[in-house]
């Protein structure tokens, strides 16, 4: 078995940590996908379905009426990306370190705390 196949989880975790570190150093304006969404979704599909959704997040009202269609769609894309990247980070850490754990019962709490810690500092 090649070293990469044996340690794919650690490689995945390392790449994701680099991506997180790089993206965290950028401002919102440098990361925004609104111009791309304006080009791709210029006819605003799903606007009718999304128009009825509104909620408070970080003390601000989130809705199409408040922030506009493209920023509202971007909000869901960004939150989905956060959930996905931290899930994959946890998967990579779990797979990559499982063989090194002597106390198997301690493995899952350590992975959850590791990912939570990285998310908190992000």
PDB file of N, CA and C in Angstrom:
ATOM      1  N   UNK A   1       0.843  -1.176   0.000  1.00  0.00           N
ATOM      2  CA  UNK A   1       0.000   0.000   0.000  1.00  0.00           C
ATOM      3  C   UNK A   1       0.890   1.242   0.000  1.00  0.00           C
ATOM      4  N   UNK A   2       0.583   2.156  -0.898  1.00  0.00           N
ATOM      5  CA  UNK A   2       1.401   3.362  -0.979  1.00  0.00           C
ATOM      6  C   UNK A   2       1.166   4.251   0.233  1.00  0.00           C
ATOM      7  N   UNK A   3       2.125   5.100   0.493  1.00  0.00           N
ATOM      8  CA  UNK A   3       2.034   5.998   1.642  1.00  0.00           C
ATOM      9  C   UNK A   3       0.830   6.933   1.514  1.00  0.00           C
ATOM     10  N   UNK A   4       0.546   7.404   0.290  1.00  0.00           N
ATOM     11  CA  UNK A   4      -0.588   8.310   0.097  1.00  0.00           C
ATOM     12  C   UNK A   4      -1.898   7.607   0.422  1.00  0.00           C
ATOM     13  N   UNK A   5      -2.074   6.387  -0.088  1.00  0.00           N
ATOM     14  CA  UNK A   5      -3.313   5.657   0.179  1.00  0.00           C
ATOM     15  C   UNK A   5      -3.461   5.348   1.657  1.00  0.00           C
ATOM     16  N   UNK A   6      -2.361   5.046   2.299  1.00  0.00           N
ATOM     17  CA  UNK A   6      -2.398   4.712   3.719  1.00  0.00           C
ATOM     18  C   UNK A   6      -2.741   5.935   4.574  1.00  0.00           C
ATOM     19  N   UNK A   7      -2.286   7.093   4.159  1.00  0.00           N
ATOM     20  CA  UNK A   7      -2.468   8.314   4.945  1.00  0.00           C
ATOM     21  C   UNK A   7      -3.330   9.357   4.225  1.00  0.00           C
ATOM     22  N   UNK A   8      -4.275   8.926   3.390  1.00  0.00           N
ATOM     23  CA  UNK A   8      -5.077   9.875   2.617  1.00  0.00           C
ATOM     24  C   UNK A   8      -5.835  10.846   3.519  1.00  0.00           C
ATOM     25  N   UNK A   9      -6.257  10.385   4.678  1.00  0.00           N
ATOM     26  CA  UNK A   9      -6.992  11.266   5.583  1.00  0.00           C
ATOM     27  C   UNK A   9      -6.150  12.418   6.090  1.00  0.00           C
ATOM     28  N   UNK A  10      -4.885  12.120   6.386  1.00  0.00           N
ATOM     29  CA  UNK A  10      -3.997  13.191   6.848  1.00  0.00           C
ATOM     30  C   UNK A  10      -3.700  14.177   5.726  1.00  0.00           C
ATOM     31  N   UNK A  11      -3.547  13.672   4.502  1.00  0.00           N
ATOM     32  CA  UNK A  11      -3.336  14.561   3.358  1.00  0.00           C
ATOM     33  C   UNK A  11      -4.556  15.459   3.140  1.00  0.00           C
ATOM     34  N   UNK A  12      -5.740  14.852   3.222  1.00  0.00           N
ATOM     35  CA  UNK A  12      -6.970  15.625   3.065  1.00  0.00           C
ATOM     36  C   UNK A  12      -7.056  16.711   4.135  1.00  0.00           C
ATOM     37  N   UNK A  13      -6.779  16.339   5.380  1.00  0.00           N
ATOM     38  CA  UNK A  13      -6.822  17.308   6.478  1.00  0.00           C
ATOM     39  C   UNK A  13      -5.804  18.425   6.254  1.00  0.00           C
ATOM     40  N   UNK A  14      -4.610  18.083   5.804  1.00  0.00           N
ATOM     41  CA  UNK A  14      -3.579  19.099   5.573  1.00  0.00           C
ATOM     42  C   UNK A  14      -4.000  20.075   4.474  1.00  0.00           C
ATOM     43  N   UNK A  15      -4.556  19.564   3.391  1.00  0.00           N
ATOM     44  CA  UNK A  15      -5.012  20.427   2.292  1.00  0.00           C
ATOM     45  C   UNK A  15      -6.141  21.334   2.771  1.00  0.00           C
ATOM     46  N   UNK A  16      -7.092  20.762   3.518  1.00  0.00           N
ATOM     47  CA  UNK A  16      -8.212  21.562   4.005  1.00  0.00           C
ATOM     48  C   UNK A  16      -7.767  22.619   5.009  1.00  0.00           C
ATOM     49  N   UNK A  17      -6.812  22.291   5.853  1.00  0.00           N
ATOM     50  CA  UNK A  17      -6.287  23.293   6.784  1.00  0.00           C
ATOM     51  C   UNK A  17      -5.605  24.429   6.029  1.00  0.00           C
ATOM     52  N   UNK A  18      -4.898  24.101   4.944  1.00  0.00           N
ATOM     53  CA  UNK A  18      -4.286  25.140   4.111  1.00  0.00           C
ATOM     54  C   UNK A  18      -5.368  26.023   3.485  1.00  0.00           C
ATOM     55  N   UNK A  19      -6.411  25.394   2.940  1.00  0.00           N
ATOM     56  CA  UNK A  19      -7.511  26.149   2.326  1.00  0.00           C
ATOM     57  C   UNK A  19      -8.167  27.057   3.369  1.00  0.00           C
ATOM     58  N   UNK A  20      -8.415  26.525   4.566  1.00  0.00           N
ATOM     59  CA  UNK A  20      -9.015  27.329   5.633  1.00  0.00           C
ATOM     60  C   UNK A  20      -8.115  28.491   6.030  1.00  0.00           C
ATOM     61  N   UNK A  21      -6.833  28.225   6.173  1.00  0.00           N
ATOM     62  CA  UNK A  21      -5.891  29.278   6.548  1.00  0.00           C
ATOM     63  C   UNK A  21      -5.856  30.363   5.464  1.00  0.00           C
ATOM     64  N   UNK A  22      -5.796  29.945   4.196  1.00  0.00           N
ATOM     65  CA  UNK A  22      -5.741  30.888   3.084  1.00  0.00           C
ATOM     66  C   UNK A  22      -7.026  31.712   3.006  1.00  0.00           C
ATOM     67  N   UNK A  23      -8.186  31.045   3.085  1.00  0.00           N
ATOM     68  CA  UNK A  23      -9.446  31.776   2.943  1.00  0.00           C
ATOM     69  C   UNK A  23      -9.718  32.677   4.147  1.00  0.00           C
ATOM     70  N   UNK A  24      -9.239  32.290   5.323  1.00  0.00           N
ATOM     71  CA  UNK A  24      -9.436  33.121   6.510  1.00  0.00           C
ATOM     72  C   UNK A  24      -8.619  34.402   6.451  1.00  0.00           C
ATOM     73  N   UNK A  25      -7.568  34.406   5.654  1.00  0.00           N
ATOM     74  CA  UNK A  25      -6.738  35.602   5.547  1.00  0.00           C
ATOM     75  C   UNK A  25      -7.305  36.604   4.543  1.00  0.00           C
ATOM     76  N   UNK A  26      -8.381  36.228   3.862  1.00  0.00           N
ATOM     77  CA  UNK A  26      -8.997  37.097   2.863  1.00  0.00           C
ATOM     78  C   UNK A  26     -10.204  37.824   3.457  1.00  0.00           C
ATOM     79  N   UNK A  27     -10.468  39.018   2.962  1.00  0.00           N
ATOM     80  CA  UNK A  27     -11.649  39.753   3.391  1.00  0.00           C
ATOM     81  C   UNK A  27     -12.879  39.199   2.683  1.00  0.00           C
ATOM     82  N   UNK A  28     -14.054  39.591   3.172  1.00  0.00           N
ATOM     83  CA  UNK A  28     -15.294  39.166   2.527  1.00  0.00           C
ATOM     84  C   UNK A  28     -15.333  39.621   1.069  1.00  0.00           C
ATOM     85  N   UNK A  29     -14.902  40.847   0.814  1.00  0.00           N
ATOM     86  CA  UNK A  29     -14.939  41.367  -0.556  1.00  0.00           C
ATOM     87  C   UNK A  29     -14.038  40.571  -1.497  1.00  0.00           C
ATOM     88  N   UNK A  30     -12.935  40.042  -0.969  1.00  0.00           N
ATOM     89  CA  UNK A  30     -12.044  39.215  -1.789  1.00  0.00           C
ATOM     90  C   UNK A  30     -12.630  37.826  -2.034  1.00  0.00           C
ATOM     91  N   UNK A  31     -13.510  37.374  -1.145  1.00  0.00           N
ATOM     92  CA  UNK A  31     -14.086  36.036  -1.251  1.00  0.00           C
ATOM     93  C   UNK A  31     -15.460  36.003  -1.905  1.00  0.00           C
ATOM     94  N   UNK A  32     -16.108  37.135  -2.039  1.00  0.00           N
ATOM     95  CA  UNK A  32     -17.502  37.138  -2.467  1.00  0.00           C
ATOM     96  C   UNK A  32     -17.703  36.437  -3.819  1.00  0.00           C
ATOM     97  N   UNK A  33     -18.803  35.729  -3.902  1.00  0.00           N
ATOM     98  CA  UNK A  33     -19.165  35.057  -5.153  1.00  0.00           C
ATOM     99  C   UNK A  33     -20.339  35.748  -5.836  1.00  0.00           C
ATOM    100  N   UNK A  34     -20.737  36.905  -5.319  1.00  0.00           N
ATOM    101  CA  UNK A  34     -21.884  37.612  -5.876  1.00  0.00           C
ATOM    102  C   UNK A  34     -21.706  37.921  -7.369  1.00  0.00           C
ATOM    103  N   UNK A  35     -20.554  38.432  -7.825  1.00  0.00           N
ATOM    104  CA  UNK A  35     -20.421  38.680  -9.268  1.00  0.00           C
ATOM    105  C   UNK A  35     -20.582  37.401 -10.110  1.00  0.00           C
ATOM    106  N   UNK A  36     -20.046  36.299  -9.629  1.00  0.00           N
ATOM    107  CA  UNK A  36     -20.205  35.023 -10.337  1.00  0.00           C
ATOM    108  C   UNK A  36     -21.668  34.594 -10.342  1.00  0.00           C
ATOM    109  N   UNK A  37     -22.339  34.719  -9.212  1.00  0.00           N
ATOM    110  CA  UNK A  37     -23.756  34.358  -9.138  1.00  0.00           C
ATOM    111  C   UNK A  37     -24.596  35.241 -10.042  1.00  0.00           C
ATOM    112  N   UNK A  38     -24.251  36.521 -10.148  1.00  0.00           N
ATOM    113  CA  UNK A  38     -24.989  37.426 -11.039  1.00  0.00           C
ATOM    114  C   UNK A  38     -24.874  36.979 -12.491  1.00  0.00           C
ATOM    115  N   UNK A  39     -23.704  36.464 -12.861  1.00  0.00           N
ATOM    116  CA  UNK A  39     -23.526  35.979 -14.239  1.00  0.00           C
ATOM    117  C   UNK A  39     -24.238  34.644 -14.457  1.00  0.00           C
ATOM    118  N   UNK A  40     -24.125  33.731 -13.479  1.00  0.00           N
ATOM    119  CA  UNK A  40     -24.685  32.388 -13.636  1.00  0.00           C
ATOM    120  C   UNK A  40     -26.196  32.338 -13.424  1.00  0.00           C
ATOM    121  N   UNK A  41     -26.684  33.153 -12.512  1.00  0.00           N
ATOM    122  CA  UNK A  41     -28.103  33.114 -12.151  1.00  0.00           C
ATOM    123  C   UNK A  41     -28.802  34.416 -12.528  1.00  0.00           C
ATOM    124  N   UNK A  42     -28.457  34.969 -13.685  1.00  0.00           N
ATOM    125  CA  UNK A  42     -28.961  36.279 -14.064  1.00  0.00           C
ATOM    126  C   UNK A  42     -30.483  36.356 -14.123  1.00  0.00           C
ATOM    127  N   UNK A  43     -31.172  35.227 -14.373  1.00  0.00           N
ATOM    128  CA  UNK A  43     -32.639  35.253 -14.416  1.00  0.00           C
ATOM    129  C   UNK A  43     -33.259  34.929 -13.053  1.00  0.00           C
ATOM    130  N   UNK A  44     -32.444  34.852 -12.013  1.00  0.00           N
ATOM    131  CA  UNK A  44     -32.860  34.656 -10.629  1.00  0.00           C
ATOM    132  C   UNK A  44     -33.804  33.470 -10.435  1.00  0.00           C
ATOM    133  N   UNK A  45     -33.322  32.255 -10.769  1.00  0.00           N
ATOM    134  CA  UNK A  45     -34.159  31.080 -10.521  1.00  0.00           C
ATOM    135  C   UNK A  45     -34.374  30.888  -9.017  1.00  0.00           C
ATOM    136  N   UNK A  46     -35.445  30.290  -8.642  1.00  0.00           N
ATOM    137  CA  UNK A  46     -35.799  30.004  -7.241  1.00  0.00           C
ATOM    138  C   UNK A  46     -36.162  31.249  -6.443  1.00  0.00           C
ATOM    139  N   UNK A  47     -36.242  32.397  -7.085  1.00  0.00           N
ATOM    140  CA  UNK A  47     -36.538  33.634  -6.346  1.00  0.00           C
ATOM    141  C   UNK A  47     -37.885  33.543  -5.650  1.00  0.00           C
ATOM    142  N   UNK A  48     -38.861  33.009  -6.329  1.00  0.00           N
ATOM    143  CA  UNK A  48     -40.199  32.896  -5.739  1.00  0.00           C
ATOM    144  C   UNK A  48     -40.162  31.990  -4.510  1.00  0.00           C
ATOM    145  N   UNK A  49     -39.471  30.859  -4.616  1.00  0.00           N
ATOM    146  CA  UNK A  49     -39.398  29.921  -3.493  1.00  0.00           C
ATOM    147  C   UNK A  49     -38.616  30.510  -2.322  1.00  0.00           C
ATOM    148  N   UNK A  50     -37.570  31.259  -2.608  1.00  0.00           N
ATOM    149  CA  UNK A  50     -36.740  31.832  -1.556  1.00  0.00           C
ATOM    150  C   UNK A  50     -37.328  33.101  -0.940  1.00  0.00           C
ATOM    151  N   UNK A  51     -38.263  33.716  -1.624  1.00  0.00           N
ATOM    152  CA  UNK A  51     -38.828  34.983  -1.149  1.00  0.00           C
ATOM    153  C   UNK A  51     -39.536  34.856   0.194  1.00  0.00           C
ATOM    154  N   UNK A  52     -40.071  33.697   0.487  1.00  0.00           N
ATOM    155  CA  UNK A  52     -40.784  33.501   1.753  1.00  0.00           C
ATOM    156  C   UNK A  52     -39.876  33.184   2.929  1.00  0.00           C
ATOM    157  N   UNK A  53     -38.580  33.040   2.686  1.00  0.00           N
ATOM    158  CA  UNK A  53     -37.644  32.681   3.752  1.00  0.00           C
ATOM    159  C   UNK A  53     -37.015  33.947   4.330  1.00  0.00           C
ATOM    160  N   UNK A  54     -37.075  34.071   5.626  1.00  0.00           N
ATOM    161  CA  UNK A  54     -36.413  35.185   6.312  1.00  0.00           C
ATOM    162  C   UNK A  54     -36.109  34.748   7.734  1.00  0.00           C
ATOM    163  N   UNK A  55     -34.989  35.208   8.258  1.00  0.00           N
ATOM    164  CA  UNK A  55     -34.559  34.858   9.609  1.00  0.00           C
ATOM    165  C   UNK A  55     -33.488  35.839  10.056  1.00  0.00           C
ATOM    166  N   UNK A  56     -33.226  35.844  11.343  1.00  0.00           N
ATOM    167  CA  UNK A  56     -32.165  36.676  11.906  1.00  0.00           C
ATOM    168  C   UNK A  56     -30.896  35.847  12.023  1.00  0.00           C
ATOM    169  N   UNK A  57     -29.787  36.428  11.621  1.00  0.00           N
ATOM    170  CA  UNK A  57     -28.486  35.774  11.745  1.00  0.00           C
ATOM    171  C   UNK A  57     -27.480  36.836  12.155  1.00  0.00           C
ATOM    172  N   UNK A  58     -26.815  36.618  13.262  1.00  0.00           N
ATOM    173  CA  UNK A  58     -25.820  37.563  13.794  1.00  0.00           C
ATOM    174  C   UNK A  58     -26.410  38.964  13.949  1.00  0.00           C
ATOM    175  N   UNK A  59     -27.655  39.008  14.393  1.00  0.00           N
ATOM    176  CA  UNK A  59     -28.293  40.289  14.653  1.00  0.00           C
ATOM    177  C   UNK A  59     -28.813  41.010  13.424  1.00  0.00           C
ATOM    178  N   UNK A  60     -28.748  40.380  12.277  1.00  0.00           N
ATOM    179  CA  UNK A  60     -29.231  41.016  11.048  1.00  0.00           C
ATOM    180  C   UNK A  60     -30.292  40.152  10.391  1.00  0.00           C
ATOM    181  N   UNK A  61     -31.278  40.817   9.804  1.00  0.00           N
ATOM    182  CA  UNK A  61     -32.336  40.122   9.074  1.00  0.00           C
ATOM    183  C   UNK A  61     -31.774  39.592   7.763  1.00  0.00           C
ATOM    184  N   UNK A  62     -31.984  38.334   7.500  1.00  0.00           N
ATOM    185  CA  UNK A  62     -31.559  37.720   6.242  1.00  0.00           C
ATOM    186  C   UNK A  62     -32.803  37.388   5.430  1.00  0.00           C
ATOM    187  N   UNK A  63     -32.917  38.003   4.289  1.00  0.00           N
ATOM    188  CA  UNK A  63     -34.017  37.736   3.358  1.00  0.00           C
ATOM    189  C   UNK A  63     -33.657  38.371   2.023  1.00  0.00           C
ATOM    190  N   UNK A  64     -34.385  37.995   1.006  1.00  0.00           N
ATOM    191  CA  UNK A  64     -34.152  38.601  -0.309  1.00  0.00           C
ATOM    192  C   UNK A  64     -34.489  40.094  -0.254  1.00  0.00           C
ATOM    193  N   UNK A  65     -35.543  40.437   0.472  1.00  0.00           N
ATOM    194  CA  UNK A  65     -35.941  41.848   0.572  1.00  0.00           C
ATOM    195  C   UNK A  65     -34.865  42.685   1.268  1.00  0.00           C
ATOM    196  N   UNK A  66     -34.195  42.121   2.252  1.00  0.00           N
ATOM    197  CA  UNK A  66     -33.198  42.878   3.016  1.00  0.00           C
ATOM    198  C   UNK A  66     -31.834  42.935   2.334  1.00  0.00           C
ATOM    199  N   UNK A  67     -31.329  41.784   1.859  1.00  0.00           N
ATOM    200  CA  UNK A  67     -29.954  41.748   1.347  1.00  0.00           C
ATOM    201  C   UNK A  67     -29.870  41.567  -0.161  1.00  0.00           C
ATOM    202  N   UNK A  68     -30.970  41.244  -0.805  1.00  0.00           N
ATOM    203  CA  UNK A  68     -30.959  41.021  -2.246  1.00  0.00           C
ATOM    204  C   UNK A  68     -30.816  39.543  -2.576  1.00  0.00           C
ATOM    205  N   UNK A  69     -31.244  39.199  -3.760  1.00  0.00           N
ATOM    206  CA  UNK A  69     -31.279  37.797  -4.187  1.00  0.00           C
ATOM    207  C   UNK A  69     -29.899  37.140  -4.166  1.00  0.00           C
ATOM    208  N   UNK A  70     -28.911  37.779  -4.763  1.00  0.00           N
ATOM    209  CA  UNK A  70     -27.604  37.143  -4.927  1.00  0.00           C
ATOM    210  C   UNK A  70     -26.853  36.998  -3.600  1.00  0.00           C
ATOM    211  N   UNK A  71     -26.950  37.987  -2.738  1.00  0.00           N
ATOM    212  CA  UNK A  71     -26.313  37.873  -1.421  1.00  0.00           C
ATOM    213  C   UNK A  71     -27.018  36.817  -0.564  1.00  0.00           C
ATOM    214  N   UNK A  72     -28.326  36.686  -0.739  1.00  0.00           N
ATOM    215  CA  UNK A  72     -29.082  35.676   0.009  1.00  0.00           C
ATOM    216  C   UNK A  72     -28.681  34.274  -0.438  1.00  0.00           C
ATOM    217  N   UNK A  73     -28.568  34.063  -1.737  1.00  0.00           N
ATOM    218  CA  UNK A  73     -28.118  32.769  -2.258  1.00  0.00           C
ATOM    219  C   UNK A  73     -26.684  32.500  -1.812  1.00  0.00           C
ATOM    220  N   UNK A  74     -25.837  33.528  -1.874  1.00  0.00           N
ATOM    221  CA  UNK A  74     -24.453  33.363  -1.449  1.00  0.00           C
ATOM    222  C   UNK A  74     -24.368  32.969   0.025  1.00  0.00           C
ATOM    223  N   UNK A  75     -25.245  33.501   0.856  1.00  0.00           N
ATOM    224  CA  UNK A  75     -25.264  33.152   2.280  1.00  0.00           C
ATOM    225  C   UNK A  75     -25.394  31.639   2.455  1.00  0.00           C
ATOM    226  N   UNK A  76     -26.324  31.034   1.739  1.00  0.00           N
ATOM    227  CA  UNK A  76     -26.534  29.582   1.850  1.00  0.00           C
ATOM    228  C   UNK A  76     -25.356  28.799   1.271  1.00  0.00           C
ATOM    229  N   UNK A  77     -24.774  29.293   0.198  1.00  0.00           N
ATOM    230  CA  UNK A  77     -23.604  28.623  -0.384  1.00  0.00           C
ATOM    231  C   UNK A  77     -22.438  28.667   0.600  1.00  0.00           C
ATOM    232  N   UNK A  78     -22.208  29.818   1.213  1.00  0.00           N
ATOM    233  CA  UNK A  78     -21.094  29.958   2.162  1.00  0.00           C
ATOM    234  C   UNK A  78     -21.307  29.083   3.399  1.00  0.00           C
ATOM    235  N   UNK A  79     -22.520  29.046   3.922  1.00  0.00           N
ATOM    236  CA  UNK A  79     -22.786  28.213   5.096  1.00  0.00           C
ATOM    237  C   UNK A  79     -22.659  26.730   4.735  1.00  0.00           C
ATOM    238  N   UNK A  80     -23.128  26.363   3.556  1.00  0.00           N
ATOM    239  CA  UNK A  80     -22.967  24.975   3.098  1.00  0.00           C
ATOM    240  C   UNK A  80     -21.506  24.603   2.922  1.00  0.00           C
ATOM    241  N   UNK A  81     -20.717  25.552   2.442  1.00  0.00           N
ATOM    242  CA  UNK A  81     -19.280  25.307   2.277  1.00  0.00           C
ATOM    243  C   UNK A  81     -18.609  25.115   3.627  1.00  0.00           C
ATOM    244  N   UNK A  82     -18.999  25.918   4.623  1.00  0.00           N
ATOM    245  CA  UNK A  82     -18.422  25.769   5.966  1.00  0.00           C
ATOM    246  C   UNK A  82     -18.739  24.388   6.544  1.00  0.00           C
ATOM    247  N   UNK A  83     -19.993  23.991   6.460  1.00  0.00           N
ATOM    248  CA  UNK A  83     -20.387  22.680   6.984  1.00  0.00           C
ATOM    249  C   UNK A  83     -19.624  21.581   6.263  1.00  0.00           C
ATOM    250  N   UNK A  84     -19.538  21.676   4.953  1.00  0.00           N
ATOM    251  CA  UNK A  84     -18.865  20.646   4.154  1.00  0.00           C
ATOM    252  C   UNK A  84     -17.379  20.564   4.465  1.00  0.00           C
ATOM    253  N   UNK A  85     -16.708  21.695   4.542  1.00  0.00           N
ATOM    254  CA  UNK A  85     -15.262  21.663   4.743  1.00  0.00           C
ATOM    255  C   UNK A  85     -14.915  21.144   6.136  1.00  0.00           C
ATOM    256  N   UNK A  86     -15.714  21.500   7.141  1.00  0.00           N
ATOM    257  CA  UNK A  86     -15.417  20.992   8.483  1.00  0.00           C
ATOM    258  C   UNK A  86     -15.812  19.525   8.626  1.00  0.00           C
ATOM    259  N   UNK A  87     -16.829  19.079   7.900  1.00  0.00           N
ATOM    260  CA  UNK A  87     -17.146  17.651   7.869  1.00  0.00           C
ATOM    261  C   UNK A  87     -15.991  16.872   7.239  1.00  0.00           C
ATOM    262  N   UNK A  88     -15.495  17.362   6.110  1.00  0.00           N
ATOM    263  CA  UNK A  88     -14.374  16.688   5.443  1.00  0.00           C
ATOM    264  C   UNK A  88     -13.101  16.741   6.288  1.00  0.00           C
ATOM    265  N   UNK A  89     -12.890  17.832   6.999  1.00  0.00           N
ATOM    266  CA  UNK A  89     -11.743  17.924   7.899  1.00  0.00           C
ATOM    267  C   UNK A  89     -11.853  16.863   8.991  1.00  0.00           C
ATOM    268  N   UNK A  90     -13.029  16.738   9.567  1.00  0.00           N
ATOM    269  CA  UNK A  90     -13.243  15.708  10.586  1.00  0.00           C
ATOM    270  C   UNK A  90     -13.054  14.309  10.035  1.00  0.00           C
ATOM    271  N   UNK A  91     -13.553  14.072   8.825  1.00  0.00           N
ATOM    272  CA  UNK A  91     -13.375  12.773   8.184  1.00  0.00           C
ATOM    273  C   UNK A  91     -11.899  12.479   7.956  1.00  0.00           C
ATOM    274  N   UNK A  92     -11.184  13.457   7.436  1.00  0.00           N
ATOM    275  CA  UNK A  92      -9.755  13.272   7.178  1.00  0.00           C
ATOM    276  C   UNK A  92      -8.968  13.015   8.452  1.00  0.00           C
ATOM    277  N   UNK A  93      -9.254  13.790   9.487  1.00  0.00           N
ATOM    278  CA  UNK A  93      -8.559  13.586  10.761  1.00  0.00           C
ATOM    279  C   UNK A  93      -8.908  12.234  11.366  1.00  0.00           C
ATOM    280  N   UNK A  94     -10.168  11.857  11.268  1.00  0.00           N
ATOM    281  CA  UNK A  94     -10.595  10.574  11.817  1.00  0.00           C
ATOM    282  C   UNK A  94      -9.910   9.420  11.093  1.00  0.00           C
ATOM    283  N   UNK A  95      -9.962   9.441   9.776  1.00  0.00           N
ATOM    284  CA  UNK A  95      -9.338   8.369   8.997  1.00  0.00           C
ATOM    285  C   UNK A  95      -7.819   8.375   9.145  1.00  0.00           C
ATOM    286  N   UNK A  96      -7.240   9.552   9.170  1.00  0.00           N
ATOM    287  CA  UNK A  96      -5.787   9.656   9.211  1.00  0.00           C
ATOM    288  C   UNK A  96      -5.160   9.308  10.543  1.00  0.00           C
ATOM    289  N   UNK A  97      -5.917   9.452  11.610  1.00  0.00           N
ATOM    290  CA  UNK A  97      -5.328   9.199  12.933  1.00  0.00           C
ATOM    291  C   UNK A  97      -5.856   7.947  13.608  1.00  0.00           C
ATOM    292  N   UNK A  98      -6.815   7.287  13.001  1.00  0.00           N
ATOM    293  CA  UNK A  98      -7.437   6.129  13.648  1.00  0.00           C
ATOM    294  C   UNK A  98      -6.418   5.047  13.981  1.00  0.00           C
ATOM    295  N   UNK A  99      -5.501   4.794  13.069  1.00  0.00           N
ATOM    296  CA  UNK A  99      -4.532   3.723  13.294  1.00  0.00           C
ATOM    297  C   UNK A  99      -3.532   4.054  14.402  1.00  0.00           C
ATOM    298  N   UNK A 100      -3.435   5.319  14.766  1.00  0.00           N
ATOM    299  CA  UNK A 100      -2.478   5.722  15.796  1.00  0.00           C
ATOM    300  C   UNK A 100      -3.102   5.794  17.192  1.00  0.00           C
ATOM    301  N   UNK A 101      -4.397   5.631  17.283  1.00  0.00           N
ATOM    302  CA  UNK A 101      -5.089   5.738  18.562  1.00  0.00           C
ATOM    303  C   UNK A 101      -4.993   4.430  19.346  1.00  0.00           C
ATOM    304  N   UNK A 102      -4.467   4.499  20.545  1.00  0.00           N
ATOM    305  CA  UNK A 102      -4.422   3.325  21.415  1.00  0.00           C
ATOM    306  C   UNK A 102      -5.720   3.212  22.201  1.00  0.00           C
ATOM    307  N   UNK A 103      -6.273   4.336  22.598  1.00  0.00           N
ATOM    308  CA  UNK A 103      -7.553   4.353  23.310  1.00  0.00           C
ATOM    309  C   UNK A 103      -8.651   4.672  22.309  1.00  0.00           C
ATOM    310  N   UNK A 104      -9.285   3.645  21.767  1.00  0.00           N
ATOM    311  CA  UNK A 104     -10.295   3.845  20.714  1.00  0.00           C
ATOM    312  C   UNK A 104     -11.466   4.701  21.186  1.00  0.00           C
ATOM    313  N   UNK A 105     -11.829   4.623  22.454  1.00  0.00           N
ATOM    314  CA  UNK A 105     -12.955   5.403  22.954  1.00  0.00           C
ATOM    315  C   UNK A 105     -12.655   6.894  22.928  1.00  0.00           C
ATOM    316  N   UNK A 106     -11.399   7.265  22.925  1.00  0.00           N
ATOM    317  CA  UNK A 106     -10.990   8.664  22.942  1.00  0.00           C
ATOM    318  C   UNK A 106     -10.914   9.259  21.533  1.00  0.00           C
ATOM    319  N   UNK A 107     -10.945   8.411  20.534  1.00  0.00           N
ATOM    320  CA  UNK A 107     -10.751   8.844  19.150  1.00  0.00           C
ATOM    321  C   UNK A 107     -11.809   9.854  18.697  1.00  0.00           C
ATOM    322  N   UNK A 108     -13.081   9.520  18.821  1.00  0.00           N
ATOM    323  CA  UNK A 108     -14.145  10.395  18.315  1.00  0.00           C
ATOM    324  C   UNK A 108     -14.220  11.729  19.055  1.00  0.00           C
ATOM    325  N   UNK A 109     -14.172  11.740  20.388  1.00  0.00           N
ATOM    326  CA  UNK A 109     -14.185  13.055  21.059  1.00  0.00           C
ATOM    327  C   UNK A 109     -13.010  13.942  20.649  1.00  0.00           C
ATOM    328  N   UNK A 110     -11.838  13.351  20.443  1.00  0.00           N
ATOM    329  CA  UNK A 110     -10.691  14.152  20.014  1.00  0.00           C
ATOM    330  C   UNK A 110     -10.907  14.757  18.640  1.00  0.00           C
ATOM    331  N   UNK A 111     -11.494  14.001  17.740  1.00  0.00           N
ATOM    332  CA  UNK A 111     -11.750  14.522  16.398  1.00  0.00           C
ATOM    333  C   UNK A 111     -12.788  15.633  16.434  1.00  0.00           C
ATOM    334  N   UNK A 112     -13.844  15.440  17.209  1.00  0.00           N
ATOM    335  CA  UNK A 112     -14.874  16.473  17.315  1.00  0.00           C
ATOM    336  C   UNK A 112     -14.274  17.743  17.923  1.00  0.00           C
ATOM    337  N   UNK A 113     -13.505  17.589  18.981  1.00  0.00           N
ATOM    338  CA  UNK A 113     -12.899  18.760  19.616  1.00  0.00           C
ATOM    339  C   UNK A 113     -11.868  19.435  18.695  1.00  0.00           C
ATOM    340  N   UNK A 114     -11.128  18.659  17.930  1.00  0.00           N
ATOM    341  CA  UNK A 114     -10.161  19.233  16.997  1.00  0.00           C
ATOM    342  C   UNK A 114     -10.858  20.090  15.949  1.00  0.00           C
ATOM    343  N   UNK A 115     -11.892  19.534  15.334  1.00  0.00           N
ATOM    344  CA  UNK A 115     -12.610  20.282  14.295  1.00  0.00           C
ATOM    345  C   UNK A 115     -13.331  21.495  14.874  1.00  0.00           C
ATOM    346  N   UNK A 116     -13.893  21.337  16.057  1.00  0.00           N
ATOM    347  CA  UNK A 116     -14.563  22.452  16.710  1.00  0.00           C
ATOM    348  C   UNK A 116     -13.559  23.556  17.041  1.00  0.00           C
ATOM    349  N   UNK A 117     -12.378  23.167  17.483  1.00  0.00           N
ATOM    350  CA  UNK A 117     -11.341  24.143  17.788  1.00  0.00           C
ATOM    351  C   UNK A 117     -10.896  24.907  16.553  1.00  0.00           C
ATOM    352  N   UNK A 118     -10.691  24.194  15.460  1.00  0.00           N
ATOM    353  CA  UNK A 118     -10.304  24.871  14.205  1.00  0.00           C
ATOM    354  C   UNK A 118     -11.430  25.798  13.753  1.00  0.00           C
ATOM    355  N   UNK A 119     -12.686  25.340  13.855  1.00  0.00           N
ATOM    356  CA  UNK A 119     -13.819  26.167  13.454  1.00  0.00           C
ATOM    357  C   UNK A 119     -13.913  27.418  14.324  1.00  0.00           C
ATOM    358  N   UNK A 120     -13.654  27.269  15.607  1.00  0.00           N
ATOM    359  CA  UNK A 120     -13.725  28.433  16.512  1.00  0.00           C
ATOM    360  C   UNK A 120     -12.660  29.470  16.168  1.00  0.00           C
ATOM    361  N   UNK A 121     -11.467  29.014  15.801  1.00  0.00           N
ATOM    362  CA  UNK A 121     -10.402  29.958  15.450  1.00  0.00           C
ATOM    363  C   UNK A 121     -10.556  30.500  14.042  1.00  0.00           C
ATOM    364  N   UNK A 122     -11.354  29.828  13.212  1.00  0.00           N
ATOM    365  CA  UNK A 122     -11.600  30.305  11.853  1.00  0.00           C
ATOM    366  C   UNK A 122     -12.493  31.535  11.928  1.00  0.00           C
TER     367      UNK A 122
END
